[in-house]
Amino acid sequence: MKAAWATPGFPRLFVGLAASALGDWMLLLVLGIWVKELTGSSALAGLTIFFIVLPSLIGPLLGMWIDRVRRAPLLIWGNLASAAMVLPLLFVHGPEQVWVIYLVAVFYGFSGVILGAGTTGLIKELVAEDVLVDANAAIQSAREGLRLVGPLAGAGIYGWLGGGAVAIADAVTFIVAAAAVASIRHRQPAPAREEIGVLRELTAGARHIADDLVLRHVLVGFALLLLALGLAESSIYAIVDAFHRPATFVAVVVTVQGVGALVGALLTSRLVRWRGEVSAVVAAMVLMAAGLTVVAVTRSMTVMLVAAAGIGVSIPIVIIAVTTLIQKRTPQQVLGRVSTVTELMASGPQALSMAVGAALVAVVSFRVTFAVMAVGSLLAAGYVAVTLKDRLGRVTEPVSNTAAVPSDL
């Protein structure tokens, strides 16, 4: 990762992203815990994540706008707006204000889509192609490392001072992120407007993915994986109930998973350089399936936590490999749209399975749900391995940043 750290501007971007990630880990888990304690319902608690992913359904509309603006100002103003969007949580005092938590969750979803796409583009501008995986791994390592303290800190502040205090802390981290990006000495020329018609401009990201064999099959496999994993958002509270722990014990499970995720993030760069992005994705999906299977069958809290750590190892490997593929194989002029279409491909199935999972948690055991997720993870791994078997063991080559994809751009 040394080459990424030597890139001018990257250390400051890293600080900003780390600050924002800390706030995310503090608040996002608290939203579910808050709803669970206000309503007593695991299904309603799991729906908080559903509302967070909902804005991704209109992500391509946002992507067209993102590609029309410079990335750094987008991140500065986006972070400041995100700081303001969490403040309505200060007015939540009882079950009758649960809708406010859901509303903030939707705001958070819009923030994630916009800031995520902007960050992907800014990293591509700052960092050389051959060290993109190192930059992505460094950022993901920070996110996963902060998972070790963020959820517990958020739960602790929530238990001590309430959800409003967590919202204020999260707002401060967004302000820090905006200041960090503003300090980067990087000026991107204003993106040129494409004269191809609104419809073709809007669909350019989807057409690029459809035309790129590697991206198409990896992202379909990624969507299949998240279609399965979305079932877990409500089931995690059912697991805690089954082991006779309070709702706040979810923070412990997430933290243990974060230990594994930190290990996975630190290993990904070497894994990708050794076997390539496609192989890394397949291996991580298989590992995830193994961990999910253990959770489905074990009666031991200790074994369950070990399996959660194993699942954690697999998550950043998939994320880093997929992100690096998108950056390497997408020209900058359509990167915002490709990023938001990717978010749609991931979050659309995930939102559907979250809704199904919220209904299933009341009628079936979490063990059944986790067994289904394990099968789904294996199917996703098999799909990618079969469709891209000639890419296994190879580092994927980048496309030219000025390449016109699709051909009419």
Protein backbone atom coordinates (compact mmCIF):
# COMPACT_ATOMS: atom_id res chain seq x y z
CA MET A 1 0.00 0.00 0.00
CA LYS A 2 3.06 2.29 0.13
CA ALA A 3 2.58 3.50 -3.44
CA ALA A 4 -0.94 4.68 -2.64
CA TRP A 5 0.28 6.57 0.42
CA ALA A 6 2.93 8.29 -1.68
CA THR A 7 0.27 9.67 -4.03
CA PRO A 8 -0.30 13.42 -3.43
CA GLY A 9 -3.71 14.03 -1.89
CA PHE A 10 -4.47 10.40 -1.07
CA PRO A 11 -3.51 10.58 2.64
CA ARG A 12 -5.89 13.52 3.14
CA LEU A 13 -8.67 11.73 1.28
CA PHE A 14 -8.01 8.69 3.46
CA VAL A 15 -8.41 10.77 6.63
CA GLY A 16 -11.72 12.17 5.41
CA LEU A 17 -13.07 8.79 4.40
CA ALA A 18 -11.96 7.24 7.69
CA ALA A 19 -13.74 9.96 9.67
CA SER A 20 -16.92 9.47 7.68
CA ALA A 21 -16.68 5.68 8.05
CA LEU A 22 -16.43 6.01 11.82
CA GLY A 23 -19.64 8.02 11.85
CA ASP A 24 -21.34 5.49 9.60
CA TRP A 25 -20.45 2.56 11.84
CA MET A 26 -21.60 4.48 14.92
CA LEU A 27 -24.99 5.48 13.54
CA LEU A 28 -26.13 2.76 11.15
CA LEU A 29 -26.22 0.01 13.73
CA VAL A 30 -27.83 2.34 16.27
CA LEU A 31 -30.70 3.04 13.88
CA GLY A 32 -31.70 -0.63 13.95
CA ILE A 33 -31.18 -0.96 17.71
CA TRP A 34 -33.23 2.20 18.25
CA VAL A 35 -36.17 0.87 16.22
CA LYS A 36 -35.91 -2.51 17.95
CA GLU A 37 -36.10 -0.93 21.41
CA LEU A 38 -38.89 1.46 20.45
CA THR A 39 -41.09 -1.18 18.81
CA GLY A 40 -39.83 -4.55 20.08
CA SER A 41 -39.88 -5.82 16.48
CA SER A 42 -36.89 -7.47 14.78
CA ALA A 43 -38.63 -7.08 11.42
CA LEU A 44 -39.09 -3.32 11.83
CA ALA A 45 -35.48 -3.00 13.00
CA GLY A 46 -34.25 -4.83 9.91
CA LEU A 47 -36.27 -2.48 7.70
CA THR A 48 -33.92 0.40 8.57
CA ILE A 49 -31.35 -1.09 6.21
CA PHE A 50 -34.07 -1.56 3.59
CA PHE A 51 -34.75 2.17 3.66
CA ILE A 52 -31.03 2.92 3.39
CA VAL A 53 -30.68 0.92 0.18
CA LEU A 54 -33.95 2.19 -1.32
CA PRO A 55 -32.45 5.35 -2.95
CA SER A 56 -30.13 3.18 -5.03
CA LEU A 57 -33.16 2.33 -7.16
CA ILE A 58 -32.92 5.78 -8.75
CA GLY A 59 -29.12 5.77 -8.65
CA PRO A 60 -28.65 5.99 -12.45
CA LEU A 61 -30.46 9.35 -12.46
CA LEU A 62 -27.99 10.59 -9.85
CA GLY A 63 -25.09 9.07 -11.79
CA MET A 64 -25.81 11.19 -14.86
CA TRP A 65 -25.59 14.30 -12.69
CA ILE A 66 -22.46 13.06 -10.88
CA ASP A 67 -20.65 12.67 -14.22
CA ARG A 68 -21.44 16.31 -15.03
CA VAL A 69 -19.68 17.78 -11.98
CA ARG A 70 -16.17 17.74 -10.53
CA ARG A 71 -15.61 15.06 -7.92
CA ALA A 72 -13.90 17.05 -5.14
CA PRO A 73 -16.59 19.79 -4.82
CA LEU A 74 -19.24 17.07 -4.98
CA LEU A 75 -17.68 15.35 -1.97
CA ILE A 76 -17.24 18.58 -0.03
CA TRP A 77 -20.83 19.76 -0.40
CA GLY A 78 -22.20 16.23 -0.20
CA ASN A 79 -20.57 15.66 3.18
CA LEU A 80 -21.85 18.97 4.52
CA ALA A 81 -25.39 18.14 3.38
CA SER A 82 -25.04 14.71 5.00
CA ALA A 83 -24.11 16.35 8.29
CA ALA A 84 -27.41 18.22 8.23
CA MET A 85 -29.51 15.24 7.16
CA VAL A 86 -28.96 13.26 10.41
CA LEU A 87 -30.08 16.05 12.73
CA PRO A 88 -33.84 15.23 12.56
CA LEU A 89 -32.96 12.27 14.81
CA LEU A 90 -32.78 14.78 17.66
CA PHE A 91 -36.59 14.86 17.58
CA VAL A 92 -37.13 11.11 18.05
CA HIS A 93 -38.46 10.42 21.55
CA GLY A 94 -40.87 7.48 21.21
CA PRO A 95 -42.44 4.85 18.92
CA GLU A 96 -44.55 7.48 17.19
CA GLN A 97 -41.36 9.02 15.72
CA VAL A 98 -40.00 5.79 14.19
CA TRP A 99 -40.90 7.25 10.80
CA VAL A 100 -38.23 9.92 11.40
CA ILE A 101 -35.58 7.20 11.77
CA TYR A 102 -36.75 5.67 8.50
CA LEU A 103 -36.67 9.08 6.81
CA VAL A 104 -33.09 9.67 7.95
CA ALA A 105 -32.26 6.17 6.69
CA VAL A 106 -33.51 7.20 3.24
CA PHE A 107 -31.41 10.38 3.41
CA TYR A 108 -28.43 8.22 4.35
CA GLY A 109 -29.08 6.09 1.30
CA PHE A 110 -28.94 9.10 -1.02
CA SER A 111 -25.75 10.22 0.69
CA GLY A 112 -24.17 6.80 0.24
CA VAL A 113 -24.96 6.63 -3.47
CA ILE A 114 -23.65 10.13 -4.23
CA LEU A 115 -20.59 10.12 -1.98
CA GLY A 116 -19.71 6.55 -2.97
CA ALA A 117 -19.72 7.31 -6.68
CA GLY A 118 -17.85 10.58 -6.13
CA THR A 119 -15.20 8.84 -4.05
CA THR A 120 -14.70 6.10 -6.65
CA GLY A 121 -14.12 8.76 -9.30
CA LEU A 122 -11.79 10.89 -7.19
CA ILE A 123 -9.63 7.88 -6.31
CA LYS A 124 -9.34 7.04 -10.02
CA GLU A 125 -8.20 10.63 -10.67
CA LEU A 126 -5.66 10.72 -7.85
CA VAL A 127 -4.14 7.24 -8.03
CA ALA A 128 -2.26 5.45 -10.83
CA GLU A 129 -3.99 2.42 -12.38
CA ASP A 130 -1.45 -0.08 -11.04
CA VAL A 131 -2.00 0.94 -7.41
CA LEU A 132 -5.79 1.26 -7.45
CA VAL A 133 -6.16 -2.02 -5.57
CA ASP A 134 -3.74 -0.76 -2.90
CA ALA A 135 -5.70 2.47 -2.47
CA ASN A 136 -9.02 0.62 -2.28
CA ALA A 137 -7.55 -1.90 0.17
CA ALA A 138 -6.18 0.88 2.40
CA ILE A 139 -9.57 2.60 2.51
CA GLN A 140 -11.45 -0.62 3.12
CA SER A 141 -8.95 -1.59 5.83
CA ALA A 142 -9.74 1.65 7.61
CA ARG A 143 -13.47 1.03 7.29
CA GLU A 144 -13.16 -2.46 8.66
CA GLY A 145 -10.75 -1.45 11.40
CA LEU A 146 -13.19 1.21 12.53
CA ARG A 147 -15.88 -1.45 12.65
CA LEU A 148 -14.04 -2.73 15.70
CA VAL A 149 -14.77 0.46 17.62
CA GLY A 150 -17.56 2.24 15.75
CA PRO A 151 -20.52 -0.02 16.54
CA LEU A 152 -19.51 -0.42 20.18
CA ALA A 153 -18.90 3.33 20.51
CA GLY A 154 -22.24 4.06 18.87
CA ALA A 155 -24.06 1.58 21.10
CA GLY A 156 -22.26 2.96 24.15
CA ILE A 157 -23.17 6.57 23.35
CA TYR A 158 -26.73 5.46 22.58
CA GLY A 159 -27.04 3.70 25.92
CA TRP A 160 -25.52 6.65 27.79
CA LEU A 161 -26.88 9.75 26.04
CA GLY A 162 -29.42 8.47 23.53
CA GLY A 163 -29.69 8.36 19.76
CA GLY A 164 -29.57 12.13 19.36
CA ALA A 165 -26.02 12.22 20.69
CA VAL A 166 -24.97 9.58 18.15
CA ALA A 167 -26.51 11.70 15.38
CA ILE A 168 -24.49 14.74 16.48
CA ALA A 169 -21.28 12.69 16.56
CA ASP A 170 -22.00 11.40 13.05
CA ALA A 171 -22.63 14.94 11.78
CA VAL A 172 -19.22 16.00 13.10
CA THR A 173 -17.51 13.19 11.17
CA PHE A 174 -19.15 14.36 7.93
CA ILE A 175 -17.82 17.88 8.56
CA VAL A 176 -14.32 16.49 9.13
CA ALA A 177 -14.59 14.56 5.85
CA ALA A 178 -15.62 17.70 3.97
CA ALA A 179 -12.68 19.64 5.41
CA ALA A 180 -10.23 16.86 4.50
CA VAL A 181 -11.35 16.76 0.87
CA ALA A 182 -11.28 20.57 0.69
CA SER A 183 -7.61 20.52 1.71
CA ILE A 184 -6.58 18.34 -1.27
CA ARG A 185 -4.74 20.29 -3.95
CA HIS A 186 -6.38 18.71 -6.96
CA ARG A 187 -8.28 20.43 -9.73
CA GLN A 188 -10.27 18.41 -12.20
CA PRO A 189 -11.31 20.14 -15.43
CA ALA A 190 -15.04 20.64 -15.73
CA PRO A 191 -16.48 17.49 -17.38
CA ALA A 192 -17.65 18.03 -20.95
CA ARG A 193 -21.39 17.66 -21.57
CA GLU A 194 -22.19 14.75 -23.90
CA GLU A 195 -24.42 15.68 -26.84
CA ILE A 196 -26.04 12.27 -27.28
CA GLY A 197 -29.54 12.78 -25.95
CA VAL A 198 -30.80 12.44 -22.42
CA LEU A 199 -31.90 8.82 -22.71
CA ARG A 200 -28.58 7.59 -24.11
CA GLU A 201 -26.70 9.72 -21.60
CA LEU A 202 -28.79 8.24 -18.79
CA THR A 203 -28.23 4.64 -19.91
CA ALA A 204 -24.52 4.99 -20.75
CA GLY A 205 -23.46 3.29 -17.50
CA ALA A 206 -25.73 0.29 -18.01
CA ARG A 207 -24.61 -0.05 -21.64
CA HIS A 208 -20.96 0.06 -20.61
CA ILE A 209 -21.50 -2.77 -18.12
CA ALA A 210 -23.45 -4.79 -20.70
CA ASP A 211 -20.65 -4.36 -23.26
CA ASP A 212 -17.82 -5.31 -20.87
CA LEU A 213 -17.70 -9.09 -20.44
CA VAL A 214 -15.77 -9.04 -17.16
CA LEU A 215 -17.84 -6.36 -15.46
CA ARG A 216 -21.11 -7.86 -16.65
CA HIS A 217 -20.56 -11.31 -15.21
CA VAL A 218 -18.84 -10.19 -12.00
CA LEU A 219 -21.62 -7.71 -11.24
CA VAL A 220 -24.35 -10.26 -11.95
CA GLY A 221 -22.62 -12.61 -9.50
CA PHE A 222 -22.30 -9.74 -7.01
CA ALA A 223 -26.03 -9.03 -7.34
CA LEU A 224 -26.84 -12.72 -6.77
CA LEU A 225 -24.69 -12.68 -3.64
CA LEU A 226 -26.42 -9.62 -2.21
CA LEU A 227 -29.84 -11.04 -3.11
CA ALA A 228 -28.99 -13.85 -0.71
CA LEU A 229 -27.29 -11.76 1.96
CA GLY A 230 -30.13 -9.27 2.31
CA LEU A 231 -32.07 -11.90 4.23
CA ALA A 232 -29.64 -11.45 7.13
CA GLU A 233 -30.58 -7.89 8.11
CA SER A 234 -33.60 -8.92 10.17
CA SER A 235 -32.27 -12.38 11.06
CA ILE A 236 -29.28 -10.97 12.94
CA TYR A 237 -31.66 -9.72 15.64
CA ALA A 238 -33.32 -13.15 15.70
CA ILE A 239 -29.90 -14.75 16.26
CA VAL A 240 -29.33 -12.51 19.28
CA ASP A 241 -32.77 -13.45 20.61
CA ALA A 242 -32.08 -17.16 20.11
CA PHE A 243 -28.90 -16.91 22.17
CA HIS A 244 -30.79 -14.95 24.86
CA ARG A 245 -28.87 -11.71 24.46
CA PRO A 246 -30.23 -8.11 24.39
CA ALA A 247 -30.56 -6.20 21.11
CA THR A 248 -27.39 -4.24 21.87
CA PHE A 249 -25.40 -7.51 21.63
CA VAL A 250 -25.71 -7.07 17.85
CA ALA A 251 -22.87 -4.57 18.27
CA VAL A 252 -20.66 -7.38 19.58
CA VAL A 253 -21.49 -9.61 16.62
CA VAL A 254 -20.77 -6.80 14.17
CA THR A 255 -17.49 -6.00 15.94
CA VAL A 256 -16.35 -9.63 15.78
CA GLN A 257 -17.23 -9.65 12.11
CA GLY A 258 -15.17 -6.48 11.81
CA VAL A 259 -12.08 -8.29 13.12
CA GLY A 260 -12.39 -10.75 10.26
CA ALA A 261 -13.12 -7.98 7.80
CA LEU A 262 -9.96 -6.11 8.78
CA VAL A 263 -7.95 -9.26 8.11
CA GLY A 264 -9.68 -9.70 4.76
CA ALA A 265 -9.03 -6.10 3.72
CA LEU A 266 -5.34 -6.37 4.60
CA LEU A 267 -5.01 -9.57 2.58
CA THR A 268 -6.90 -8.48 -0.52
CA SER A 269 -4.15 -6.50 -2.23
CA ARG A 270 -1.78 -9.47 -2.22
CA LEU A 271 -4.54 -11.87 -3.21
CA VAL A 272 -5.58 -9.74 -6.19
CA ARG A 273 -1.97 -9.28 -7.36
CA TRP A 274 -1.40 -13.04 -7.03
CA ARG A 275 -4.58 -14.49 -8.57
CA GLY A 276 -6.51 -11.54 -10.02
CA GLU A 277 -9.79 -9.84 -9.20
CA VAL A 278 -12.11 -12.53 -10.55
CA SER A 279 -10.46 -15.33 -8.57
CA ALA A 280 -10.55 -13.18 -5.44
CA VAL A 281 -14.30 -12.64 -5.85
CA VAL A 282 -14.99 -16.36 -6.32
CA ALA A 283 -12.82 -17.41 -3.36
CA ALA A 284 -14.49 -14.86 -1.07
CA MET A 285 -17.98 -16.02 -2.06
CA VAL A 286 -17.08 -19.63 -1.26
CA LEU A 287 -15.65 -18.59 2.11
CA MET A 288 -18.82 -16.62 2.84
CA ALA A 289 -20.96 -19.66 2.04
CA ALA A 290 -18.93 -21.74 4.51
CA GLY A 291 -19.38 -19.18 7.28
CA LEU A 292 -23.11 -18.86 6.66
CA THR A 293 -23.47 -22.65 6.81
CA VAL A 294 -21.78 -22.77 10.21
CA VAL A 295 -24.08 -20.06 11.59
CA ALA A 296 -27.07 -22.05 10.31
CA VAL A 297 -26.16 -25.25 12.18
CA THR A 298 -24.20 -24.31 15.30
CA ARG A 299 -25.68 -24.21 18.80
CA SER A 300 -22.59 -22.58 20.30
CA MET A 301 -22.28 -18.84 20.72
CA THR A 302 -18.50 -19.12 20.42
CA VAL A 303 -18.66 -21.05 17.15
CA MET A 304 -21.23 -18.60 15.80
CA LEU A 305 -18.91 -15.68 16.53
CA VAL A 306 -15.98 -17.46 14.85
CA ALA A 307 -18.15 -18.04 11.79
CA ALA A 308 -19.15 -14.36 11.83
CA ALA A 309 -15.46 -13.46 11.74
CA GLY A 310 -15.00 -15.76 8.74
CA ILE A 311 -17.89 -14.09 6.95
CA GLY A 312 -16.23 -10.78 7.78
CA VAL A 313 -13.02 -11.87 6.05
CA SER A 314 -14.90 -12.47 2.80
CA ILE A 315 -16.83 -9.19 2.61
CA PRO A 316 -13.98 -6.70 1.97
CA ILE A 317 -12.33 -9.04 -0.53
CA VAL A 318 -15.44 -8.92 -2.71
CA ILE A 319 -15.89 -5.16 -2.26
CA ILE A 320 -12.27 -4.25 -3.02
CA ALA A 321 -12.01 -6.57 -6.02
CA VAL A 322 -15.29 -5.34 -7.52
CA THR A 323 -14.44 -1.67 -6.91
CA THR A 324 -11.01 -2.08 -8.49
CA LEU A 325 -12.52 -3.79 -11.54
CA ILE A 326 -15.00 -0.94 -12.00
CA GLN A 327 -12.26 1.70 -11.78
CA LYS A 328 -9.87 -0.17 -14.08
CA ARG A 329 -12.41 -1.01 -16.76
CA THR A 330 -14.45 2.19 -16.85
CA PRO A 331 -13.50 5.53 -18.47
CA GLN A 332 -13.82 8.49 -16.14
CA GLN A 333 -16.56 10.14 -18.20
CA VAL A 334 -19.05 7.37 -17.39
CA LEU A 335 -17.69 6.24 -14.02
CA GLY A 336 -20.42 7.97 -12.01
CA ARG A 337 -23.14 6.24 -13.99
CA VAL A 338 -21.40 2.87 -13.86
CA SER A 339 -20.98 3.26 -10.08
CA THR A 340 -24.65 4.09 -9.55
CA VAL A 341 -25.84 1.30 -11.86
CA THR A 342 -23.60 -1.05 -9.88
CA GLU A 343 -25.23 0.24 -6.69
CA LEU A 344 -28.63 -0.48 -8.25
CA MET A 345 -27.59 -3.98 -9.31
CA ALA A 346 -26.41 -4.65 -5.77
CA SER A 347 -28.98 -2.81 -3.69
CA GLY A 348 -32.07 -3.61 -5.77
CA PRO A 349 -31.88 -7.37 -5.12
CA GLN A 350 -30.67 -6.66 -1.58
CA ALA A 351 -33.67 -4.42 -0.87
CA LEU A 352 -36.02 -7.12 -2.18
CA SER A 353 -34.44 -9.81 -0.04
CA MET A 354 -34.45 -7.50 2.99
CA ALA A 355 -38.19 -7.06 2.63
CA VAL A 356 -38.61 -10.83 2.28
CA GLY A 357 -36.28 -11.41 5.23
CA ALA A 358 -38.27 -9.02 7.40
CA ALA A 359 -41.37 -11.11 6.68
CA LEU A 360 -39.64 -14.48 7.07
CA VAL A 361 -38.06 -13.70 10.44
CA ALA A 362 -41.47 -13.89 12.07
CA VAL A 363 -42.35 -17.30 10.61
CA VAL A 364 -39.13 -19.33 10.12
CA SER A 365 -35.99 -19.93 12.14
CA PHE A 366 -32.91 -17.87 11.39
CA ARG A 367 -31.20 -21.22 10.70
CA VAL A 368 -33.34 -21.74 7.61
CA THR A 369 -32.59 -18.21 6.45
CA PHE A 370 -28.83 -18.64 6.84
CA ALA A 371 -28.92 -21.98 5.03
CA VAL A 372 -30.66 -20.28 2.10
CA MET A 373 -28.02 -17.54 2.13
CA ALA A 374 -25.24 -20.14 2.06
CA VAL A 375 -26.75 -21.77 -1.02
CA GLY A 376 -27.15 -18.36 -2.66
CA SER A 377 -23.50 -17.51 -2.02
CA LEU A 378 -22.36 -20.79 -3.61
CA LEU A 379 -24.57 -20.16 -6.64
CA ALA A 380 -23.05 -16.69 -7.05
CA ALA A 381 -19.52 -18.12 -6.83
CA GLY A 382 -20.37 -20.83 -9.34
CA TYR A 383 -21.86 -18.33 -11.79
CA VAL A 384 -18.75 -16.12 -11.81
CA ALA A 385 -16.37 -19.09 -11.96
CA VAL A 386 -18.16 -20.70 -14.90
CA THR A 387 -18.82 -17.57 -16.98
CA LEU A 388 -15.29 -16.18 -16.47
CA LYS A 389 -13.31 -19.40 -16.17
CA ASP A 390 -10.70 -18.10 -18.63
CA ARG A 391 -10.13 -15.08 -16.35
CA LEU A 392 -9.43 -17.09 -13.21
CA GLY A 393 -5.87 -16.59 -12.01
CA ARG A 394 -5.35 -13.45 -14.13
CA VAL A 395 -5.08 -9.82 -13.08
CA THR A 396 -7.63 -7.88 -15.13
CA GLU A 397 -6.25 -5.35 -17.56
CA PRO A 398 -7.45 -1.72 -17.39
CA VAL A 399 -9.17 0.12 -20.23
CA SER A 400 -7.99 3.51 -21.46
CA ASN A 401 -9.38 6.40 -19.44
CA THR A 402 -10.27 8.12 -22.70
CA ALA A 403 -11.87 5.07 -24.28
CA ALA A 404 -15.35 5.73 -25.58
CA VAL A 405 -17.63 3.16 -24.02
CA PRO A 406 -20.31 2.79 -25.30
CA SER A 407 -19.18 3.63 -28.82
CA ASP A 408 -21.38 6.71 -29.25
CA LEU A 409 -19.94 8.60 -26.25
